[in-house]
């Protein structure tokens, strides 16, 4: 991290004012609600820093890359003790450290994000309930974690017939993808995070490309399997989220979440699953990430979690 050379009161100010040395400890719980805005602020903060030592330009470029791809790095740039102290008049930084860790204590409030009481009075219509959203979000995050873990362990190694059990996510994909490169796999892992982010914002996870359709089907399958195998664990996971008639209606999810975006051409006799299977087979995997024309484009600069 670059260091600022300016101190609001100058060196020696503490001696002149007879101020005492103080150690301050601040613990913050933070939920990222707008990653593009956070990233832009971190990039601006890095642009203001002074870098010293060998190759300052490369130091700046490396830090810009980190804050552009990693929310933790972006927070680190904005919350760095030197930066915080520089914004407060009458004090001088004597040193400090910053620790950032991901916690499970700040999960999305699905009861608030997906309220069961409809203001329009259409309570009889199908809806994505808080419990369904919670379980689906959990499975999407788990698949993203597993996908990045696969990458950390196997890198560009191909999946082979004898080692499917050594993989968690990528061996579940069509065999034509088994030899694809690491960058493609990172993009696939990110689709789980993209859909989970939709849920965390209170939006239905409507697939915007073929890769997201595949990712959502995997998450729905895993959610159904977990509910069947470990109903007590799922009940514990729900806590005090309100129950509803439409909880865990996976067939309803398939009917309502798929087919909202996507091409309208093709065999009208095909259902959404058959249409997806046909398009996956007819499209090269590199094209699975091309967004549907009628879907809002995701931020191309959103980076990857890892």
Protein backbone atom coordinates (compact mmCIF):
# COMPACT_ATOMS: atom_id res chain seq x y z
CA UNK A 1 0.00 0.00 0.00
CA UNK A 2 1.35 3.41 -0.86
CA UNK A 3 1.96 5.89 1.95
CA UNK A 4 0.92 9.51 2.15
CA UNK A 5 3.68 11.97 2.93
CA UNK A 6 1.40 14.78 4.18
CA UNK A 7 0.40 15.19 7.82
CA UNK A 8 -2.27 17.82 8.52
CA UNK A 9 -0.37 19.36 11.43
CA UNK A 10 3.17 18.49 10.37
CA UNK A 11 5.79 16.51 12.29
CA UNK A 12 6.21 17.49 15.90
CA UNK A 13 2.63 18.72 16.23
CA UNK A 14 1.99 16.31 19.09
CA UNK A 15 4.85 17.79 21.13
CA UNK A 16 3.72 21.38 20.50
CA UNK A 17 0.13 20.72 21.63
CA UNK A 18 1.05 18.39 24.51
CA UNK A 19 -1.37 15.85 23.08
CA UNK A 20 -1.35 12.30 24.39
CA UNK A 21 -0.83 9.18 22.32
CA UNK A 22 -4.04 7.18 21.85
CA UNK A 23 -4.69 3.72 20.49
CA UNK A 24 -8.13 3.46 18.84
CA UNK A 25 -9.77 0.16 17.91
CA UNK A 26 -12.67 0.19 15.46
CA UNK A 27 -14.65 -2.93 14.49
CA UNK A 28 -17.02 -2.52 11.54
CA UNK A 29 -19.56 -4.86 10.06
CA UNK A 30 -19.87 -4.04 6.36
CA UNK A 31 -22.09 -5.39 3.60
CA UNK A 32 -21.12 -4.52 0.02
CA UNK A 33 -24.26 -3.38 -1.80
CA UNK A 34 -22.73 -1.66 -4.86
CA UNK A 35 -19.49 -3.26 -5.99
CA UNK A 36 -18.99 -0.96 -9.03
CA UNK A 37 -19.25 2.13 -6.78
CA UNK A 38 -16.85 0.63 -4.24
CA UNK A 39 -14.40 -0.30 -6.98
CA UNK A 40 -14.47 3.20 -8.49
CA UNK A 41 -13.84 4.80 -5.09
CA UNK A 42 -10.90 2.46 -4.42
CA UNK A 43 -9.42 3.18 -7.85
CA UNK A 44 -9.64 6.92 -7.14
CA UNK A 45 -7.97 6.39 -3.76
CA UNK A 46 -5.08 4.50 -5.35
CA UNK A 47 -4.64 7.29 -7.90
CA UNK A 48 -4.04 9.75 -5.02
CA UNK A 49 -1.37 7.67 -3.28
CA UNK A 50 2.35 8.37 -3.42
CA UNK A 51 4.49 5.30 -4.09
CA UNK A 52 8.18 5.08 -3.28
CA UNK A 53 10.89 2.50 -3.79
CA UNK A 54 11.59 0.38 -6.85
CA UNK A 55 9.24 0.94 -9.83
CA UNK A 56 6.44 3.07 -8.30
CA UNK A 57 4.47 2.85 -11.55
CA UNK A 58 4.34 -0.92 -11.32
CA UNK A 59 3.33 -0.72 -7.65
CA UNK A 60 0.41 1.51 -8.59
CA UNK A 61 -0.59 -0.75 -11.48
CA UNK A 62 -0.50 -3.84 -9.25
CA UNK A 63 -2.63 -2.20 -6.57
CA UNK A 64 -5.10 -0.91 -9.16
CA UNK A 65 -5.48 -4.43 -10.50
CA UNK A 66 -6.08 -5.80 -6.99
CA UNK A 67 -8.72 -3.23 -6.03
CA UNK A 68 -10.44 -3.70 -9.41
CA UNK A 69 -10.84 -7.44 -8.90
CA UNK A 70 -11.11 -8.00 -5.15
CA UNK A 71 -13.66 -6.26 -2.87
CA UNK A 72 -11.41 -6.96 0.14
CA UNK A 73 -8.53 -5.14 -1.54
CA UNK A 74 -10.84 -2.26 -2.44
CA UNK A 75 -11.95 -1.94 1.18
CA UNK A 76 -8.33 -2.13 2.28
CA UNK A 77 -7.43 0.82 0.07
CA UNK A 78 -10.27 2.94 1.41
CA UNK A 79 -10.01 1.94 5.08
CA UNK A 80 -6.23 2.01 5.38
CA UNK A 81 -5.24 3.76 8.65
CA UNK A 82 -3.05 6.33 6.85
CA UNK A 83 -5.96 7.35 4.64
CA UNK A 84 -8.42 7.58 7.53
CA UNK A 85 -6.07 9.62 9.71
CA UNK A 86 -5.25 12.01 6.87
CA UNK A 87 -8.93 12.98 6.73
CA UNK A 88 -9.04 13.98 10.42
CA UNK A 89 -7.57 17.36 11.43
CA UNK A 90 -5.33 17.71 14.47
CA UNK A 91 -3.87 14.19 14.61
CA UNK A 92 -0.82 12.38 13.29
CA UNK A 93 -0.58 8.69 12.46
CA UNK A 94 1.88 6.80 14.68
CA UNK A 95 1.28 3.45 12.96
CA UNK A 96 -1.50 0.94 12.59
CA UNK A 97 -2.73 -2.19 10.88
CA UNK A 98 -5.89 -3.16 9.04
CA UNK A 99 -7.47 -6.62 9.09
CA UNK A 100 -10.42 -7.55 6.87
CA UNK A 101 -12.17 -10.89 7.07
CA UNK A 102 -15.34 -12.32 5.57
CA UNK A 103 -18.00 -13.23 8.10
CA UNK A 104 -21.21 -15.19 7.87
CA UNK A 105 -22.87 -12.93 10.45
CA UNK A 106 -24.09 -10.44 7.85
CA UNK A 107 -26.25 -12.59 5.58
CA UNK A 108 -28.90 -10.96 3.41
CA UNK A 109 -32.25 -10.41 5.14
CA UNK A 110 -34.36 -12.53 2.82
CA UNK A 111 -37.57 -11.79 4.75
CA UNK A 112 -37.12 -8.11 3.92
CA UNK A 113 -35.80 -8.69 0.40
CA UNK A 114 -38.62 -11.05 -0.62
CA UNK A 115 -41.66 -9.98 1.41
CA UNK A 116 -44.63 -12.33 1.38
CA UNK A 117 -47.23 -9.55 1.76
CA UNK A 118 -48.00 -8.18 -1.67
CA UNK A 119 -48.89 -4.49 -1.95
CA UNK A 120 -50.77 -5.16 -5.18
CA UNK A 121 -53.06 -7.71 -3.61
CA UNK A 122 -51.93 -10.55 -5.88
CA UNK A 123 -50.92 -12.82 -3.00
CA UNK A 124 -52.30 -15.82 -4.89
CA UNK A 125 -49.61 -15.58 -7.56
CA UNK A 126 -46.42 -17.60 -7.40
CA UNK A 127 -43.54 -15.82 -5.74
CA UNK A 128 -39.95 -16.49 -4.77
CA UNK A 129 -40.27 -16.89 -1.01
CA UNK A 130 -37.68 -15.89 1.62
CA UNK A 131 -36.88 -19.53 2.43
CA UNK A 132 -36.51 -20.54 -1.21
CA UNK A 133 -34.31 -17.51 -1.87
CA UNK A 134 -32.16 -18.27 1.19
CA UNK A 135 -31.57 -21.91 0.25
CA UNK A 136 -30.92 -21.07 -3.40
CA UNK A 137 -28.49 -18.29 -2.41
CA UNK A 138 -26.64 -20.71 -0.12
CA UNK A 139 -26.22 -23.24 -2.92
CA UNK A 140 -25.06 -20.62 -5.42
CA UNK A 141 -22.40 -19.37 -3.01
CA UNK A 142 -21.34 -22.96 -2.27
CA UNK A 143 -21.00 -23.71 -5.99
CA UNK A 144 -18.96 -20.55 -6.53
CA UNK A 145 -16.67 -21.49 -3.62
CA UNK A 146 -16.28 -25.02 -5.00
CA UNK A 147 -15.59 -23.74 -8.50
CA UNK A 148 -12.78 -21.48 -7.33
CA UNK A 149 -11.45 -24.31 -5.16
CA UNK A 150 -11.34 -26.51 -8.26
CA UNK A 151 -9.30 -23.81 -9.99
CA UNK A 152 -6.89 -23.43 -7.08
CA UNK A 153 -6.26 -27.16 -7.04
CA UNK A 154 -6.28 -28.08 -10.72
CA UNK A 155 -5.51 -24.83 -12.62
CA UNK A 156 -5.60 -25.65 -16.37
CA UNK A 157 -5.55 -29.43 -15.93
CA UNK A 158 -8.30 -31.11 -17.96
CA UNK A 159 -11.00 -33.19 -16.35
CA UNK A 160 -10.59 -36.83 -17.39
CA UNK A 161 -12.77 -39.90 -17.17
CA UNK A 162 -10.71 -41.30 -14.31
CA UNK A 163 -10.58 -38.27 -12.04
CA UNK A 164 -14.12 -36.84 -12.02
CA UNK A 165 -14.27 -37.49 -8.30
CA UNK A 166 -11.35 -35.11 -7.72
CA UNK A 167 -13.43 -32.20 -9.03
CA UNK A 168 -16.47 -30.63 -7.42
CA UNK A 169 -17.99 -28.42 -10.12
CA UNK A 170 -16.32 -28.73 -13.50
CA UNK A 171 -16.71 -32.50 -13.81
CA UNK A 172 -20.49 -31.90 -13.66
CA UNK A 173 -20.41 -29.84 -16.85
CA UNK A 174 -20.77 -31.30 -20.37
CA UNK A 175 -17.65 -33.23 -21.38
CA UNK A 176 -16.94 -30.81 -24.23
CA UNK A 177 -15.91 -28.28 -21.53
CA UNK A 178 -13.54 -30.57 -19.64
CA UNK A 179 -10.40 -29.38 -21.43
CA UNK A 180 -11.15 -25.66 -21.44
CA UNK A 181 -8.72 -23.11 -20.01
CA UNK A 182 -8.62 -21.53 -16.57
CA UNK A 183 -10.04 -18.18 -17.71
CA UNK A 184 -13.18 -19.90 -18.99
CA UNK A 185 -13.55 -21.75 -15.72
CA UNK A 186 -13.18 -18.53 -13.72
CA UNK A 187 -15.97 -16.99 -15.76
CA UNK A 188 -18.16 -20.01 -15.08
CA UNK A 189 -17.46 -19.82 -11.34
CA UNK A 190 -18.39 -16.13 -11.43
CA UNK A 191 -21.85 -16.92 -12.85
CA UNK A 192 -22.81 -18.49 -9.51
CA UNK A 193 -21.74 -15.31 -7.71
CA UNK A 194 -23.63 -13.14 -10.22
CA UNK A 195 -26.89 -15.00 -9.58
CA UNK A 196 -26.27 -14.98 -5.81
CA UNK A 197 -25.74 -11.21 -5.99
CA UNK A 198 -29.13 -10.85 -7.69
CA UNK A 199 -30.76 -12.60 -4.74
CA UNK A 200 -28.78 -10.53 -2.22
CA UNK A 201 -30.24 -7.41 -3.87
CA UNK A 202 -33.80 -8.71 -3.66
CA UNK A 203 -34.02 -9.57 -7.36
CA UNK A 204 -35.08 -12.84 -8.92
CA UNK A 205 -32.02 -14.66 -10.33
CA UNK A 206 -33.10 -14.55 -13.97
CA UNK A 207 -30.36 -16.06 -16.18
CA UNK A 208 -28.97 -13.54 -18.65
CA UNK A 209 -26.90 -15.97 -20.72
CA UNK A 210 -26.55 -19.70 -21.35
CA UNK A 211 -23.83 -20.08 -18.71
CA UNK A 212 -26.13 -18.59 -16.08
CA UNK A 213 -28.93 -20.94 -17.11
CA UNK A 214 -26.58 -23.87 -16.56
CA UNK A 215 -25.39 -22.42 -13.23
CA UNK A 216 -28.92 -21.85 -11.94
CA UNK A 217 -30.00 -25.37 -12.87
CA UNK A 218 -27.05 -26.76 -10.91
CA UNK A 219 -27.99 -24.65 -7.87
CA UNK A 220 -31.64 -25.70 -8.06
CA UNK A 221 -30.61 -29.34 -8.30
CA UNK A 222 -28.31 -29.02 -5.29
CA UNK A 223 -30.96 -27.18 -3.27
CA UNK A 224 -33.49 -29.91 -3.99
CA UNK A 225 -30.96 -32.62 -3.07
CA UNK A 226 -29.94 -30.91 0.18
CA UNK A 227 -33.55 -30.44 1.26
CA UNK A 228 -34.26 -34.12 0.61
CA UNK A 229 -31.13 -35.43 2.33
CA UNK A 230 -30.84 -33.00 5.26
CA UNK A 231 -34.23 -31.40 6.02
CA UNK A 232 -33.24 -30.70 9.63
CA UNK A 233 -30.12 -28.81 8.53
CA UNK A 234 -32.16 -26.76 6.08
CA UNK A 235 -34.70 -25.98 8.81
CA UNK A 236 -31.89 -24.76 11.07
CA UNK A 237 -30.53 -22.65 8.23
CA UNK A 238 -33.88 -20.89 7.82
CA UNK A 239 -33.98 -19.63 11.41
CA UNK A 240 -37.02 -17.39 11.85
CA UNK A 241 -37.66 -16.74 8.15
CA UNK A 242 -41.42 -16.89 7.52
CA UNK A 243 -42.84 -20.06 5.98
CA UNK A 244 -45.08 -20.08 2.93
CA UNK A 245 -47.03 -22.44 0.70
CA UNK A 246 -44.57 -21.84 -2.14
CA UNK A 247 -41.45 -22.68 -0.13
CA UNK A 248 -39.05 -24.94 -2.04
CA UNK A 249 -41.29 -25.10 -5.12
CA UNK A 250 -38.52 -26.11 -7.49
CA UNK A 251 -40.88 -26.78 -10.38
CA UNK A 252 -42.25 -23.28 -9.91
CA UNK A 253 -38.70 -21.90 -9.92
CA UNK A 254 -38.03 -23.65 -13.22
CA UNK A 255 -41.23 -22.29 -14.73
CA UNK A 256 -40.79 -18.71 -13.50
CA UNK A 257 -37.03 -18.10 -13.55
CA UNK A 258 -36.12 -19.58 -16.93
CA UNK A 259 -37.19 -18.25 -20.28
CA UNK A 260 -37.72 -14.64 -19.19
CA UNK A 261 -34.68 -13.64 -21.24
CA UNK A 262 -33.26 -15.37 -24.27
CA UNK A 263 -33.97 -15.95 -27.96
CA UNK A 264 -37.58 -16.56 -28.95
CA UNK A 265 -36.75 -18.57 -32.03
CA UNK A 266 -36.47 -22.35 -32.13
CA UNK A 267 -38.92 -25.19 -31.83
CA UNK A 268 -42.03 -23.89 -30.01
CA UNK A 269 -42.69 -27.42 -28.76
CA UNK A 270 -39.53 -27.37 -26.62
CA UNK A 271 -39.83 -26.44 -22.95
CA UNK A 272 -37.22 -24.22 -21.29
CA UNK A 273 -35.01 -27.14 -20.24
CA UNK A 274 -35.04 -28.69 -23.71
CA UNK A 275 -34.37 -25.29 -25.26
CA UNK A 276 -31.37 -24.76 -23.00
CA UNK A 277 -30.00 -28.21 -23.76
CA UNK A 278 -30.37 -27.56 -27.50
CA UNK A 279 -28.63 -24.17 -27.30
CA UNK A 280 -25.80 -25.53 -25.12
CA UNK A 281 -25.16 -28.26 -27.66
CA UNK A 282 -25.34 -25.89 -30.63
CA UNK A 283 -23.17 -23.11 -29.13
CA UNK A 284 -19.43 -23.26 -28.49
CA UNK A 285 -18.76 -22.97 -24.73
CA UNK A 286 -16.94 -19.67 -25.28
CA UNK A 287 -20.26 -18.28 -26.46
CA UNK A 288 -22.19 -19.38 -23.38
CA UNK A 289 -21.31 -16.10 -21.67
CA UNK A 290 -22.73 -13.87 -24.40
CA UNK A 291 -25.63 -12.00 -22.84
CA UNK A 292 -29.13 -12.31 -24.21
CA UNK A 293 -30.15 -9.27 -26.22
CA UNK A 294 -33.17 -8.51 -24.04
CA UNK A 295 -31.28 -8.84 -20.73
CA UNK A 296 -29.41 -6.02 -18.99
CA UNK A 297 -25.66 -6.48 -19.40
CA UNK A 298 -23.72 -7.23 -16.24
CA UNK A 299 -20.88 -4.88 -15.38
CA UNK A 300 -17.95 -6.07 -17.52
CA UNK A 301 -15.48 -4.68 -14.97
CA UNK A 302 -16.91 -6.46 -11.94
CA UNK A 303 -13.88 -8.77 -11.66
CA UNK A 304 -13.72 -12.17 -10.01
CA UNK A 305 -13.80 -13.17 -6.37
CA UNK A 306 -10.48 -15.01 -6.80
